[in-house]
Amino acid sequence: EERRVVAAALEGDWSPDGGSLAIIRPPSGAGSEFELGVVPAAGGSERILYSSGAQLISPRVSPDGATIAVSELGLSSGVPDRIVLVDRRSGAARRVDPRRPGRQTVRILGVAWRDPETLVLLVGDLEA
């Protein structure tokens, strides 16, 4: 059975229990930001957890549903170069910078949760 859960979302990822969908919304107008939100699968109001002036892509809900990882594009590089971990309950956000010492730029190619505490990043260097 097909039904609309949310409109105007760029990307989404289901919670492990299927009860909600983590979504990314584009800016809605001048001066607005990309938003990471959660929408109940059964319907109801969306809750915005995190906003950014940088583009957000690839939301990934942790296996326990407690944390959402999202890639953030660098404002100068235009490529996904950092991860933001957002607590689903409080909305508290923590940036993770995957650059190695001596490297100024990286590209995050993929993100996956191994378990509720371990996020695996596939990272490529932009520098030769």
PDB file of N, CA and C in Angstrom:
ATOM      1  N   GLU A   1       0.840  -1.174   0.000  1.00  0.00           N
ATOM      2  CA  GLU A   1       0.000   0.000   0.000  1.00  0.00           C
ATOM      3  C   GLU A   1       0.887   1.239   0.000  1.00  0.00           C
ATOM      4  N   GLU A   2       0.673   2.086  -0.956  1.00  0.00           N
ATOM      5  CA  GLU A   2       1.467   3.300  -1.091  1.00  0.00           C
ATOM      6  C   GLU A   2       0.769   4.465  -0.405  1.00  0.00           C
ATOM      7  N   ARG A   3       1.559   5.260   0.339  1.00  0.00           N
ATOM      8  CA  ARG A   3       1.017   6.470   0.945  1.00  0.00           C
ATOM      9  C   ARG A   3       2.138   7.468   1.149  1.00  0.00           C
ATOM     10  N   ARG A   4       1.791   8.727   1.158  1.00  0.00           N
ATOM     11  CA  ARG A   4       2.771   9.791   1.325  1.00  0.00           C
ATOM     12  C   ARG A   4       3.003  10.018   2.816  1.00  0.00           C
ATOM     13  N   VAL A   5       4.268   9.969   3.226  1.00  0.00           N
ATOM     14  CA  VAL A   5       4.642  10.239   4.609  1.00  0.00           C
ATOM     15  C   VAL A   5       5.058  11.689   4.753  1.00  0.00           C
ATOM     16  N   VAL A   6       5.779  12.189   3.761  1.00  0.00           N
ATOM     17  CA  VAL A   6       6.283  13.564   3.813  1.00  0.00           C
ATOM     18  C   VAL A   6       6.471  14.075   2.388  1.00  0.00           C
ATOM     19  N   ALA A   7       6.316  15.359   2.213  1.00  0.00           N
ATOM     20  CA  ALA A   7       6.527  15.982   0.906  1.00  0.00           C
ATOM     21  C   ALA A   7       7.737  16.915   0.980  1.00  0.00           C
ATOM     22  N   ALA A   8       8.348  17.167  -0.154  1.00  0.00           N
ATOM     23  CA  ALA A   8       9.433  18.139  -0.303  1.00  0.00           C
ATOM     24  C   ALA A   8      10.683  17.792   0.501  1.00  0.00           C
ATOM     25  N   ALA A   9      10.943  16.534   0.729  1.00  0.00           N
ATOM     26  CA  ALA A   9      12.191  16.116   1.375  1.00  0.00           C
ATOM     27  C   ALA A   9      13.190  15.728   0.294  1.00  0.00           C
ATOM     28  N   LEU A  10      14.469  16.021   0.526  1.00  0.00           N
ATOM     29  CA  LEU A  10      15.518  15.656  -0.431  1.00  0.00           C
ATOM     30  C   LEU A  10      15.937  14.201  -0.279  1.00  0.00           C
ATOM     31  N   GLU A  11      16.065  13.753   0.981  1.00  0.00           N
ATOM     32  CA  GLU A  11      16.503  12.390   1.290  1.00  0.00           C
ATOM     33  C   GLU A  11      15.904  11.968   2.610  1.00  0.00           C
ATOM     34  N   GLY A  12      15.927  10.658   2.864  1.00  0.00           N
ATOM     35  CA  GLY A  12      15.427  10.168   4.136  1.00  0.00           C
ATOM     36  C   GLY A  12      16.019   8.818   4.495  1.00  0.00           C
ATOM     37  N   ASP A  13      15.856   8.443   5.762  1.00  0.00           N
ATOM     38  CA  ASP A  13      16.286   7.132   6.247  1.00  0.00           C
ATOM     39  C   ASP A  13      15.328   6.710   7.358  1.00  0.00           C
ATOM     40  N   TRP A  14      14.810   5.494   7.269  1.00  0.00           N
ATOM     41  CA  TRP A  14      13.875   4.986   8.268  1.00  0.00           C
ATOM     42  C   TRP A  14      14.582   4.649   9.572  1.00  0.00           C
ATOM     43  N   SER A  15      13.876   4.848  10.662  1.00  0.00           N
ATOM     44  CA  SER A  15      14.365   4.374  11.954  1.00  0.00           C
ATOM     45  C   SER A  15      14.309   2.851  11.937  1.00  0.00           C
ATOM     46  N   PRO A  16      15.103   2.180  12.758  1.00  0.00           N
ATOM     47  CA  PRO A  16      15.127   0.713  12.749  1.00  0.00           C
ATOM     48  C   PRO A  16      13.765   0.074  13.030  1.00  0.00           C
ATOM     49  N   ASP A  17      12.945   0.723  13.847  1.00  0.00           N
ATOM     50  CA  ASP A  17      11.628   0.158  14.153  1.00  0.00           C
ATOM     51  C   ASP A  17      10.563   0.542  13.127  1.00  0.00           C
ATOM     52  N   GLY A  18      10.926   1.352  12.148  1.00  0.00           N
ATOM     53  CA  GLY A  18       9.992   1.768  11.109  1.00  0.00           C
ATOM     54  C   GLY A  18       8.975   2.799  11.568  1.00  0.00           C
ATOM     55  N   GLY A  19       9.146   3.321  12.769  1.00  0.00           N
ATOM     56  CA  GLY A  19       8.175   4.257  13.322  1.00  0.00           C
ATOM     57  C   GLY A  19       8.354   5.700  12.901  1.00  0.00           C
ATOM     58  N   SER A  20       9.515   6.024  12.337  1.00  0.00           N
ATOM     59  CA  SER A  20       9.744   7.405  11.919  1.00  0.00           C
ATOM     60  C   SER A  20      10.751   7.442  10.781  1.00  0.00           C
ATOM     61  N   LEU A  21      10.810   8.596  10.150  1.00  0.00           N
ATOM     62  CA  LEU A  21      11.688   8.821   9.016  1.00  0.00           C
ATOM     63  C   LEU A  21      12.521  10.068   9.285  1.00  0.00           C
ATOM     64  N   ALA A  22      13.844   9.933   9.223  1.00  0.00           N
ATOM     65  CA  ALA A  22      14.736  11.087   9.303  1.00  0.00           C
ATOM     66  C   ALA A  22      14.825  11.678   7.901  1.00  0.00           C
ATOM     67  N   ILE A  23      14.600  12.982   7.780  1.00  0.00           N
ATOM     68  CA  ILE A  23      14.574  13.609   6.456  1.00  0.00           C
ATOM     69  C   ILE A  23      15.455  14.851   6.412  1.00  0.00           C
ATOM     70  N   ILE A  24      15.848  15.195   5.194  1.00  0.00           N
ATOM     71  CA  ILE A  24      16.549  16.450   4.940  1.00  0.00           C
ATOM     72  C   ILE A  24      15.650  17.300   4.063  1.00  0.00           C
ATOM     73  N   ARG A  25      15.462  18.529   4.500  1.00  0.00           N
ATOM     74  CA  ARG A  25      14.676  19.492   3.725  1.00  0.00           C
ATOM     75  C   ARG A  25      15.598  20.575   3.171  1.00  0.00           C
ATOM     76  N   PRO A  26      15.295  21.033   1.944  1.00  0.00           N
ATOM     77  CA  PRO A  26      16.093  22.119   1.369  1.00  0.00           C
ATOM     78  C   PRO A  26      15.702  23.454   2.002  1.00  0.00           C
ATOM     79  N   PRO A  27      16.517  24.480   1.800  1.00  0.00           N
ATOM     80  CA  PRO A  27      16.134  25.808   2.276  1.00  0.00           C
ATOM     81  C   PRO A  27      14.798  26.213   1.642  1.00  0.00           C
ATOM     82  N   SER A  28      13.953  26.859   2.424  1.00  0.00           N
ATOM     83  CA  SER A  28      12.617  27.218   1.932  1.00  0.00           C
ATOM     84  C   SER A  28      12.546  28.631   1.371  1.00  0.00           C
ATOM     85  N   GLY A  29      13.635  29.362   1.461  1.00  0.00           N
ATOM     86  CA  GLY A  29      13.650  30.713   0.927  1.00  0.00           C
ATOM     87  C   GLY A  29      14.966  31.392   1.227  1.00  0.00           C
ATOM     88  N   ALA A  30      15.076  32.632   0.830  1.00  0.00           N
ATOM     89  CA  ALA A  30      16.306  33.395   1.059  1.00  0.00           C
ATOM     90  C   ALA A  30      16.612  33.458   2.552  1.00  0.00           C
ATOM     91  N   GLY A  31      17.853  33.170   2.896  1.00  0.00           N
ATOM     92  CA  GLY A  31      18.281  33.237   4.283  1.00  0.00           C
ATOM     93  C   GLY A  31      17.940  32.011   5.109  1.00  0.00           C
ATOM     94  N   SER A  32      17.246  31.054   4.527  1.00  0.00           N
ATOM     95  CA  SER A  32      16.920  29.843   5.288  1.00  0.00           C
ATOM     96  C   SER A  32      18.028  28.806   5.124  1.00  0.00           C
ATOM     97  N   GLU A  33      17.944  27.736   5.887  1.00  0.00           N
ATOM     98  CA  GLU A  33      18.994  26.723   5.921  1.00  0.00           C
ATOM     99  C   GLU A  33      18.445  25.344   5.593  1.00  0.00           C
ATOM    100  N   PHE A  34      19.364  24.418   5.298  1.00  0.00           N
ATOM    101  CA  PHE A  34      18.986  23.011   5.187  1.00  0.00           C
ATOM    102  C   PHE A  34      18.596  22.526   6.571  1.00  0.00           C
ATOM    103  N   GLU A  35      17.630  21.611   6.636  1.00  0.00           N
ATOM    104  CA  GLU A  35      17.156  21.114   7.927  1.00  0.00           C
ATOM    105  C   GLU A  35      17.131  19.594   7.958  1.00  0.00           C
ATOM    106  N   LEU A  36      17.525  19.036   9.109  1.00  0.00           N
ATOM    107  CA  LEU A  36      17.380  17.619   9.392  1.00  0.00           C
ATOM    108  C   LEU A  36      16.222  17.489  10.369  1.00  0.00           C
ATOM    109  N   GLY A  37      15.227  16.708   9.998  1.00  0.00           N
ATOM    110  CA  GLY A  37      14.057  16.547  10.848  1.00  0.00           C
ATOM    111  C   GLY A  37      13.647  15.093  10.951  1.00  0.00           C
ATOM    112  N   VAL A  38      12.675  14.839  11.815  1.00  0.00           N
ATOM    113  CA  VAL A  38      12.109  13.505  12.004  1.00  0.00           C
ATOM    114  C   VAL A  38      10.596  13.613  11.865  1.00  0.00           C
ATOM    115  N   VAL A  39      10.025  12.687  11.081  1.00  0.00           N
ATOM    116  CA  VAL A  39       8.595  12.657  10.841  1.00  0.00           C
ATOM    117  C   VAL A  39       8.059  11.297  11.272  1.00  0.00           C
ATOM    118  N   PRO A  40       6.972  11.257  12.071  1.00  0.00           N
ATOM    119  CA  PRO A  40       6.377   9.968  12.431  1.00  0.00           C
ATOM    120  C   PRO A  40       5.810   9.272  11.191  1.00  0.00           C
ATOM    121  N   ALA A  41       5.998   7.975  11.077  1.00  0.00           N
ATOM    122  CA  ALA A  41       5.503   7.214   9.923  1.00  0.00           C
ATOM    123  C   ALA A  41       3.983   7.224   9.857  1.00  0.00           C
ATOM    124  N   ALA A  42       3.335   7.283  11.001  1.00  0.00           N
ATOM    125  CA  ALA A  42       1.872   7.255  11.053  1.00  0.00           C
ATOM    126  C   ALA A  42       1.254   8.624  10.789  1.00  0.00           C
ATOM    127  N   GLY A  43       2.091   9.617  10.580  1.00  0.00           N
ATOM    128  CA  GLY A  43       1.592  10.975  10.389  1.00  0.00           C
ATOM    129  C   GLY A  43       1.819  11.798  11.650  1.00  0.00           C
ATOM    130  N   GLY A  44       1.651  13.066  11.527  1.00  0.00           N
ATOM    131  CA  GLY A  44       1.881  13.948  12.662  1.00  0.00           C
ATOM    132  C   GLY A  44       2.884  15.012  12.298  1.00  0.00           C
ATOM    133  N   SER A  45       3.246  15.798  13.284  1.00  0.00           N
ATOM    134  CA  SER A  45       4.109  16.934  13.003  1.00  0.00           C
ATOM    135  C   SER A  45       5.584  16.538  12.963  1.00  0.00           C
ATOM    136  N   GLU A  46       6.286  17.225  12.099  1.00  0.00           N
ATOM    137  CA  GLU A  46       7.730  17.043  11.945  1.00  0.00           C
ATOM    138  C   GLU A  46       8.457  17.788  13.057  1.00  0.00           C
ATOM    139  N   ARG A  47       9.560  17.208  13.498  1.00  0.00           N
ATOM    140  CA  ARG A  47      10.394  17.869  14.500  1.00  0.00           C
ATOM    141  C   ARG A  47      11.758  18.138  13.876  1.00  0.00           C
ATOM    142  N   ILE A  48      12.143  19.405  13.808  1.00  0.00           N
ATOM    143  CA  ILE A  48      13.448  19.791  13.258  1.00  0.00           C
ATOM    144  C   ILE A  48      14.495  19.604  14.348  1.00  0.00           C
ATOM    145  N   LEU A  49      15.554  18.861  14.013  1.00  0.00           N
ATOM    146  CA  LEU A  49      16.616  18.583  14.981  1.00  0.00           C
ATOM    147  C   LEU A  49      17.865  19.431  14.764  1.00  0.00           C
ATOM    148  N   TYR A  50      18.144  19.778  13.505  1.00  0.00           N
ATOM    149  CA  TYR A  50      19.411  20.441  13.194  1.00  0.00           C
ATOM    150  C   TYR A  50      19.230  21.262  11.922  1.00  0.00           C
ATOM    151  N   SER A  51      19.820  22.451  11.900  1.00  0.00           N
ATOM    152  CA  SER A  51      19.807  23.319  10.719  1.00  0.00           C
ATOM    153  C   SER A  51      21.232  23.725  10.386  1.00  0.00           C
ATOM    154  N   SER A  52      21.496  23.934   9.085  1.00  0.00           N
ATOM    155  CA  SER A  52      22.843  24.302   8.658  1.00  0.00           C
ATOM    156  C   SER A  52      22.784  25.145   7.396  1.00  0.00           C
ATOM    157  N   GLY A  53      23.697  26.120   7.315  1.00  0.00           N
ATOM    158  CA  GLY A  53      23.857  26.890   6.094  1.00  0.00           C
ATOM    159  C   GLY A  53      24.530  26.068   5.010  1.00  0.00           C
ATOM    160  N   ALA A  54      25.230  24.997   5.416  1.00  0.00           N
ATOM    161  CA  ALA A  54      25.859  24.085   4.462  1.00  0.00           C
ATOM    162  C   ALA A  54      24.837  23.022   4.040  1.00  0.00           C
ATOM    163  N   GLN A  55      24.986  22.513   2.830  1.00  0.00           N
ATOM    164  CA  GLN A  55      24.069  21.480   2.353  1.00  0.00           C
ATOM    165  C   GLN A  55      24.231  20.196   3.160  1.00  0.00           C
ATOM    166  N   LEU A  56      23.124  19.581   3.535  1.00  0.00           N
ATOM    167  CA  LEU A  56      23.117  18.312   4.252  1.00  0.00           C
ATOM    168  C   LEU A  56      22.720  17.200   3.289  1.00  0.00           C
ATOM    169  N   ILE A  57      23.399  16.044   3.402  1.00  0.00           N
ATOM    170  CA  ILE A  57      23.073  14.890   2.562  1.00  0.00           C
ATOM    171  C   ILE A  57      23.227  13.602   3.368  1.00  0.00           C
ATOM    172  N   SER A  58      22.637  12.550   2.882  1.00  0.00           N
ATOM    173  CA  SER A  58      22.835  11.174   3.365  1.00  0.00           C
ATOM    174  C   SER A  58      22.548  10.979   4.855  1.00  0.00           C
ATOM    175  N   PRO A  59      21.318  11.224   5.301  1.00  0.00           N
ATOM    176  CA  PRO A  59      21.023  10.940   6.711  1.00  0.00           C
ATOM    177  C   PRO A  59      21.070   9.434   6.965  1.00  0.00           C
ATOM    178  N   ARG A  60      21.639   9.046   8.102  1.00  0.00           N
ATOM    179  CA  ARG A  60      21.717   7.630   8.476  1.00  0.00           C
ATOM    180  C   ARG A  60      21.346   7.494   9.948  1.00  0.00           C
ATOM    181  N   VAL A  61      20.279   6.735  10.223  1.00  0.00           N
ATOM    182  CA  VAL A  61      19.823   6.515  11.593  1.00  0.00           C
ATOM    183  C   VAL A  61      20.594   5.340  12.179  1.00  0.00           C
ATOM    184  N   SER A  62      21.083   5.502  13.406  1.00  0.00           N
ATOM    185  CA  SER A  62      21.842   4.434  14.065  1.00  0.00           C
ATOM    186  C   SER A  62      20.945   3.228  14.336  1.00  0.00           C
ATOM    187  N   PRO A  63      21.545   2.039  14.497  1.00  0.00           N
ATOM    188  CA  PRO A  63      20.760   0.821  14.718  1.00  0.00           C
ATOM    189  C   PRO A  63      19.841   0.873  15.943  1.00  0.00           C
ATOM    190  N   ASP A  64      20.181   1.673  16.943  1.00  0.00           N
ATOM    191  CA  ASP A  64      19.302   1.800  18.114  1.00  0.00           C
ATOM    192  C   ASP A  64      18.343   2.982  17.974  1.00  0.00           C
ATOM    193  N   GLY A  65      18.444   3.721  16.879  1.00  0.00           N
ATOM    194  CA  GLY A  65      17.552   4.841  16.621  1.00  0.00           C
ATOM    195  C   GLY A  65      17.858   6.101  17.405  1.00  0.00           C
ATOM    196  N   ALA A  66      18.902   6.108  18.213  1.00  0.00           N
ATOM    197  CA  ALA A  66      19.185   7.235  19.105  1.00  0.00           C
ATOM    198  C   ALA A  66      19.932   8.384  18.435  1.00  0.00           C
ATOM    199  N   THR A  67      20.686   8.105  17.374  1.00  0.00           N
ATOM    200  CA  THR A  67      21.534   9.109  16.745  1.00  0.00           C
ATOM    201  C   THR A  67      21.317   9.105  15.242  1.00  0.00           C
ATOM    202  N   ILE A  68      21.365  10.287  14.656  1.00  0.00           N
ATOM    203  CA  ILE A  68      21.302  10.407  13.202  1.00  0.00           C
ATOM    204  C   ILE A  68      22.613  11.035  12.743  1.00  0.00           C
ATOM    205  N   ALA A  69      23.294  10.376  11.822  1.00  0.00           N
ATOM    206  CA  ALA A  69      24.504  10.919  11.208  1.00  0.00           C
ATOM    207  C   ALA A  69      24.099  11.550   9.879  1.00  0.00           C
ATOM    208  N   VAL A  70      24.637  12.721   9.601  1.00  0.00           N
ATOM    209  CA  VAL A  70      24.356  13.395   8.343  1.00  0.00           C
ATOM    210  C   VAL A  70      25.651  14.003   7.827  1.00  0.00           C
ATOM    211  N   SER A  71      25.874  13.920   6.517  1.00  0.00           N
ATOM    212  CA  SER A  71      27.051  14.531   5.902  1.00  0.00           C
ATOM    213  C   SER A  71      26.748  15.991   5.611  1.00  0.00           C
ATOM    214  N   GLU A  72      27.763  16.831   5.815  1.00  0.00           N
ATOM    215  CA  GLU A  72      27.631  18.261   5.584  1.00  0.00           C
ATOM    216  C   GLU A  72      28.662  18.666   4.533  1.00  0.00           C
ATOM    217  N   LEU A  73      28.222  19.380   3.504  1.00  0.00           N
ATOM    218  CA  LEU A  73      29.140  19.825   2.462  1.00  0.00           C
ATOM    219  C   LEU A  73      29.906  21.048   2.936  1.00  0.00           C
ATOM    220  N   GLY A  74      31.197  21.045   2.656  1.00  0.00           N
ATOM    221  CA  GLY A  74      32.021  22.202   3.012  1.00  0.00           C
ATOM    222  C   GLY A  74      31.596  23.423   2.219  1.00  0.00           C
ATOM    223  N   LEU A  75      31.538  24.569   2.865  1.00  0.00           N
ATOM    224  CA  LEU A  75      31.099  25.789   2.188  1.00  0.00           C
ATOM    225  C   LEU A  75      32.074  26.213   1.099  1.00  0.00           C
ATOM    226  N   SER A  76      33.364  25.953   1.303  1.00  0.00           N
ATOM    227  CA  SER A  76      34.341  26.345   0.284  1.00  0.00           C
ATOM    228  C   SER A  76      34.622  25.227  -0.710  1.00  0.00           C
ATOM    229  N   SER A  77      34.605  23.971  -0.241  1.00  0.00           N
ATOM    230  CA  SER A  77      34.954  22.854  -1.125  1.00  0.00           C
ATOM    231  C   SER A  77      33.765  22.350  -1.941  1.00  0.00           C
ATOM    232  N   GLY A  78      32.542  22.456  -1.390  1.00  0.00           N
ATOM    233  CA  GLY A  78      31.367  21.961  -2.101  1.00  0.00           C
ATOM    234  C   GLY A  78      31.250  20.450  -2.116  1.00  0.00           C
ATOM    235  N   VAL A  79      32.064  19.756  -1.317  1.00  0.00           N
ATOM    236  CA  VAL A  79      31.983  18.289  -1.227  1.00  0.00           C
ATOM    237  C   VAL A  79      31.709  17.904   0.225  1.00  0.00           C
ATOM    238  N   PRO A  80      31.117  16.721   0.439  1.00  0.00           N
ATOM    239  CA  PRO A  80      30.881  16.299   1.826  1.00  0.00           C
ATOM    240  C   PRO A  80      32.213  16.055   2.532  1.00  0.00           C
ATOM    241  N   ASP A  81      32.503  16.885   3.548  1.00  0.00           N
ATOM    242  CA  ASP A  81      33.811  16.771   4.188  1.00  0.00           C
ATOM    243  C   ASP A  81      33.741  16.677   5.712  1.00  0.00           C
ATOM    244  N   ARG A  82      32.545  16.581   6.260  1.00  0.00           N
ATOM    245  CA  ARG A  82      32.412  16.363   7.700  1.00  0.00           C
ATOM    246  C   ARG A  82      31.069  15.692   7.985  1.00  0.00           C
ATOM    247  N   ILE A  83      31.001  15.092   9.150  1.00  0.00           N
ATOM    248  CA  ILE A  83      29.793  14.396   9.603  1.00  0.00           C
ATOM    249  C   ILE A  83      29.272  15.126  10.828  1.00  0.00           C
ATOM    250  N   VAL A  84      27.962  15.216  10.928  1.00  0.00           N
ATOM    251  CA  VAL A  84      27.336  15.757  12.123  1.00  0.00           C
ATOM    252  C   VAL A  84      26.519  14.633  12.747  1.00  0.00           C
ATOM    253  N   LEU A  85      26.770  14.365  14.029  1.00  0.00           N
ATOM    254  CA  LEU A  85      26.012  13.371  14.776  1.00  0.00           C
ATOM    255  C   LEU A  85      24.977  14.115  15.611  1.00  0.00           C
ATOM    256  N   VAL A  86      23.698  13.801  15.402  1.00  0.00           N
ATOM    257  CA  VAL A  86      22.610  14.507  16.064  1.00  0.00           C
ATOM    258  C   VAL A  86      21.850  13.539  16.960  1.00  0.00           C
ATOM    259  N   ASP A  87      21.749  13.898  18.241  1.00  0.00           N
ATOM    260  CA  ASP A  87      20.975  13.101  19.182  1.00  0.00           C
ATOM    261  C   ASP A  87      19.498  13.283  18.867  1.00  0.00           C
ATOM    262  N   ARG A  88      18.810  12.187  18.641  1.00  0.00           N
ATOM    263  CA  ARG A  88      17.422  12.250  18.208  1.00  0.00           C
ATOM    264  C   ARG A  88      16.494  12.818  19.275  1.00  0.00           C
ATOM    265  N   ARG A  89      16.797  12.602  20.524  1.00  0.00           N
ATOM    266  CA  ARG A  89      15.926  13.088  21.594  1.00  0.00           C
ATOM    267  C   ARG A  89      16.147  14.575  21.893  1.00  0.00           C
ATOM    268  N   SER A  90      17.398  14.974  22.056  1.00  0.00           N
ATOM    269  CA  SER A  90      17.689  16.342  22.483  1.00  0.00           C
ATOM    270  C   SER A  90      17.972  17.294  21.327  1.00  0.00           C
ATOM    271  N   GLY A  91      18.391  16.764  20.174  1.00  0.00           N
ATOM    272  CA  GLY A  91      18.800  17.606  19.065  1.00  0.00           C
ATOM    273  C   GLY A  91      20.228  18.104  19.184  1.00  0.00           C
ATOM    274  N   ALA A  92      20.929  17.692  20.253  1.00  0.00           N
ATOM    275  CA  ALA A  92      22.330  18.098  20.423  1.00  0.00           C
ATOM    276  C   ALA A  92      23.155  17.555  19.256  1.00  0.00           C
ATOM    277  N   ALA A  93      23.998  18.406  18.698  1.00  0.00           N
ATOM    278  CA  ALA A  93      24.791  18.030  17.524  1.00  0.00           C
ATOM    279  C   ALA A  93      26.279  18.112  17.829  1.00  0.00           C
ATOM    280  N   ARG A  94      27.016  17.168  17.228  1.00  0.00           N
ATOM    281  CA  ARG A  94      28.474  17.135  17.378  1.00  0.00           C
ATOM    282  C   ARG A  94      29.079  16.879  16.009  1.00  0.00           C
ATOM    283  N   ARG A  95      29.985  17.777  15.595  1.00  0.00           N
ATOM    284  CA  ARG A  95      30.660  17.610  14.301  1.00  0.00           C
ATOM    285  C   ARG A  95      31.844  16.670  14.444  1.00  0.00           C
ATOM    286  N   VAL A  96      32.028  15.839  13.420  1.00  0.00           N
ATOM    287  CA  VAL A  96      33.162  14.920  13.352  1.00  0.00           C
ATOM    288  C   VAL A  96      33.948  15.284  12.097  1.00  0.00           C
ATOM    289  N   ASP A  97      35.215  15.583  12.273  1.00  0.00           N
ATOM    290  CA  ASP A  97      36.084  15.963  11.160  1.00  0.00           C
ATOM    291  C   ASP A  97      36.988  14.782  10.831  1.00  0.00           C
ATOM    292  N   PRO A  98      36.803  14.144   9.678  1.00  0.00           N
ATOM    293  CA  PRO A  98      37.591  12.955   9.348  1.00  0.00           C
ATOM    294  C   PRO A  98      38.954  13.226   8.724  1.00  0.00           C
ATOM    295  N   ARG A  99      39.378  14.488   8.666  1.00  0.00           N
ATOM    296  CA  ARG A  99      40.677  14.780   8.037  1.00  0.00           C
ATOM    297  C   ARG A  99      41.818  14.203   8.853  1.00  0.00           C
ATOM    298  N   ARG A 100      42.799  13.690   8.151  1.00  0.00           N
ATOM    299  CA  ARG A 100      44.015  13.206   8.792  1.00  0.00           C
ATOM    300  C   ARG A 100      44.970  14.368   8.993  1.00  0.00           C
ATOM    301  N   PRO A 101      45.883  14.252   9.936  1.00  0.00           N
ATOM    302  CA  PRO A 101      46.879  15.321  10.132  1.00  0.00           C
ATOM    303  C   PRO A 101      47.621  15.610   8.823  1.00  0.00           C
ATOM    304  N   GLY A 102      47.769  16.881   8.527  1.00  0.00           N
ATOM    305  CA  GLY A 102      48.480  17.279   7.317  1.00  0.00           C
ATOM    306  C   GLY A 102      47.606  17.364   6.084  1.00  0.00           C
ATOM    307  N   ARG A 103      46.354  16.926   6.168  1.00  0.00           N
ATOM    308  CA  ARG A 103      45.438  16.988   5.021  1.00  0.00           C
ATOM    309  C   ARG A 103      44.411  18.083   5.262  1.00  0.00           C
ATOM    310  N   GLN A 104      44.234  18.939   4.284  1.00  0.00           N
ATOM    311  CA  GLN A 104      43.273  20.031   4.422  1.00  0.00           C
ATOM    312  C   GLN A 104      41.877  19.651   3.958  1.00  0.00           C
ATOM    313  N   THR A 105      41.783  18.780   2.960  1.00  0.00           N
ATOM    314  CA  THR A 105      40.472  18.448   2.405  1.00  0.00           C
ATOM    315  C   THR A 105      40.310  16.946   2.218  1.00  0.00           C
ATOM    316  N   VAL A 106      39.119  16.480   2.459  1.00  0.00           N
ATOM    317  CA  VAL A 106      38.740  15.095   2.203  1.00  0.00           C
ATOM    318  C   VAL A 106      37.352  15.089   1.591  1.00  0.00           C
ATOM    319  N   ARG A 107      36.978  13.952   1.047  1.00  0.00           N
ATOM    320  CA  ARG A 107      35.622  13.762   0.531  1.00  0.00           C
ATOM    321  C   ARG A 107      35.050  12.520   1.203  1.00  0.00           C
ATOM    322  N   ILE A 108      33.907  12.676   1.846  1.00  0.00           N
ATOM    323  CA  ILE A 108      33.223  11.524   2.442  1.00  0.00           C
ATOM    324  C   ILE A 108      32.437  10.841   1.335  1.00  0.00           C
ATOM    325  N   LEU A 109      32.802   9.601   1.051  1.00  0.00           N
ATOM    326  CA  LEU A 109      32.193   8.850  -0.042  1.00  0.00           C
ATOM    327  C   LEU A 109      31.035   7.971   0.421  1.00  0.00           C
ATOM    328  N   GLY A 110      31.042   7.602   1.692  1.00  0.00           N
ATOM    329  CA  GLY A 110      29.976   6.754   2.208  1.00  0.00           C
ATOM    330  C   GLY A 110      29.956   6.747   3.719  1.00  0.00           C
ATOM    331  N   VAL A 111      28.775   6.494   4.269  1.00  0.00           N
ATOM    332  CA  VAL A 111      28.566   6.467   5.714  1.00  0.00           C
ATOM    333  C   VAL A 111      27.663   5.290   6.047  1.00  0.00           C
ATOM    334  N   ALA A 112      28.050   4.506   7.059  1.00  0.00           N
ATOM    335  CA  ALA A 112      27.210   3.386   7.501  1.00  0.00           C
ATOM    336  C   ALA A 112      27.451   3.129   8.980  1.00  0.00           C
ATOM    337  N   TRP A 113      26.411   2.737   9.680  1.00  0.00           N
ATOM    338  CA  TRP A 113      26.543   2.355  11.085  1.00  0.00           C
ATOM    339  C   TRP A 113      26.911   0.884  11.161  1.00  0.00           C
ATOM    340  N   ARG A 114      27.927   0.565  11.927  1.00  0.00           N
ATOM    341  CA  ARG A 114      28.307  -0.838  12.184  1.00  0.00           C
ATOM    342  C   ARG A 114      27.492  -1.380  13.351  1.00  0.00           C
ATOM    343  N   ASP A 115      27.338  -0.552  14.378  1.00  0.00           N
ATOM    344  CA  ASP A 115      26.536  -0.846  15.557  1.00  0.00           C
ATOM    345  C   ASP A 115      26.165   0.515  16.153  1.00  0.00           C
ATOM    346  N   PRO A 116      25.395   0.572  17.244  1.00  0.00           N
ATOM    347  CA  PRO A 116      24.965   1.868  17.767  1.00  0.00           C
ATOM    348  C   PRO A 116      26.087   2.823  18.175  1.00  0.00           C
ATOM    349  N   GLU A 117      27.290   2.316  18.381  1.00  0.00           N
ATOM    350  CA  GLU A 117      28.399   3.160  18.823  1.00  0.00           C
ATOM    351  C   GLU A 117      29.466   3.391  17.758  1.00  0.00           C
ATOM    352  N   THR A 118      29.379   2.691  16.615  1.00  0.00           N
ATOM    353  CA  THR A 118      30.443   2.751  15.621  1.00  0.00           C
ATOM    354  C   THR A 118      29.908   3.178  14.263  1.00  0.00           C
ATOM    355  N   LEU A 119      30.382   4.334  13.803  1.00  0.00           N
ATOM    356  CA  LEU A 119      30.033   4.848  12.488  1.00  0.00           C
ATOM    357  C   LEU A 119      31.232   4.627  11.578  1.00  0.00           C
ATOM    358  N   VAL A 120      31.009   4.023  10.426  1.00  0.00           N
ATOM    359  CA  VAL A 120      32.091   3.742   9.483  1.00  0.00           C
ATOM    360  C   VAL A 120      32.000   4.752   8.335  1.00  0.00           C
ATOM    361  N   LEU A 121      33.125   5.414   8.049  1.00  0.00           N
ATOM    362  CA  LEU A 121      33.200   6.379   6.971  1.00  0.00           C
ATOM    363  C   LEU A 121      34.131   5.870   5.890  1.00  0.00           C
ATOM    364  N   LEU A 122      33.718   5.980   4.637  1.00  0.00           N
ATOM    365  CA  LEU A 122      34.597   5.745   3.503  1.00  0.00           C
ATOM    366  C   LEU A 122      35.034   7.133   3.040  1.00  0.00           C
ATOM    367  N   VAL A 123      36.335   7.408   3.179  1.00  0.00           N
ATOM    368  CA  VAL A 123      36.855   8.756   2.944  1.00  0.00           C
ATOM    369  C   VAL A 123      37.927   8.721   1.871  1.00  0.00           C
ATOM    370  N   GLY A 124      37.893   9.682   0.947  1.00  0.00           N
ATOM    371  CA  GLY A 124      38.921   9.820  -0.077  1.00  0.00           C
ATOM    372  C   GLY A 124      39.602  11.165   0.043  1.00  0.00           C
ATOM    373  N   ASP A 125      40.879  11.210  -0.246  1.00  0.00           N
ATOM    374  CA  ASP A 125      41.627  12.469  -0.226  1.00  0.00           C
ATOM    375  C   ASP A 125      41.343  13.250  -1.497  1.00  0.00           C
ATOM    376  N   LEU A 126      41.214  14.556  -1.373  1.00  0.00           N
ATOM    377  CA  LEU A 126      41.073  15.417  -2.542  1.00  0.00           C
ATOM    378  C   LEU A 126      42.431  15.910  -3.017  1.00  0.00           C
ATOM    379  N   GLU A 127      43.437  15.748  -2.179  1.00  0.00           N
ATOM    380  CA  GLU A 127      44.781  16.211  -2.529  1.00  0.00           C
ATOM    381  C   GLU A 127      45.565  15.074  -3.150  1.00  0.00           C
ATOM    382  N   ALA A 128      46.414  15.412  -4.091  1.00  0.00           N
ATOM    383  CA  ALA A 128      47.244  14.386  -4.742  1.00  0.00           C
ATOM    384  C   ALA A 128      48.401  13.988  -3.874  1.00  0.00           C
TER     385      ALA A 128
END
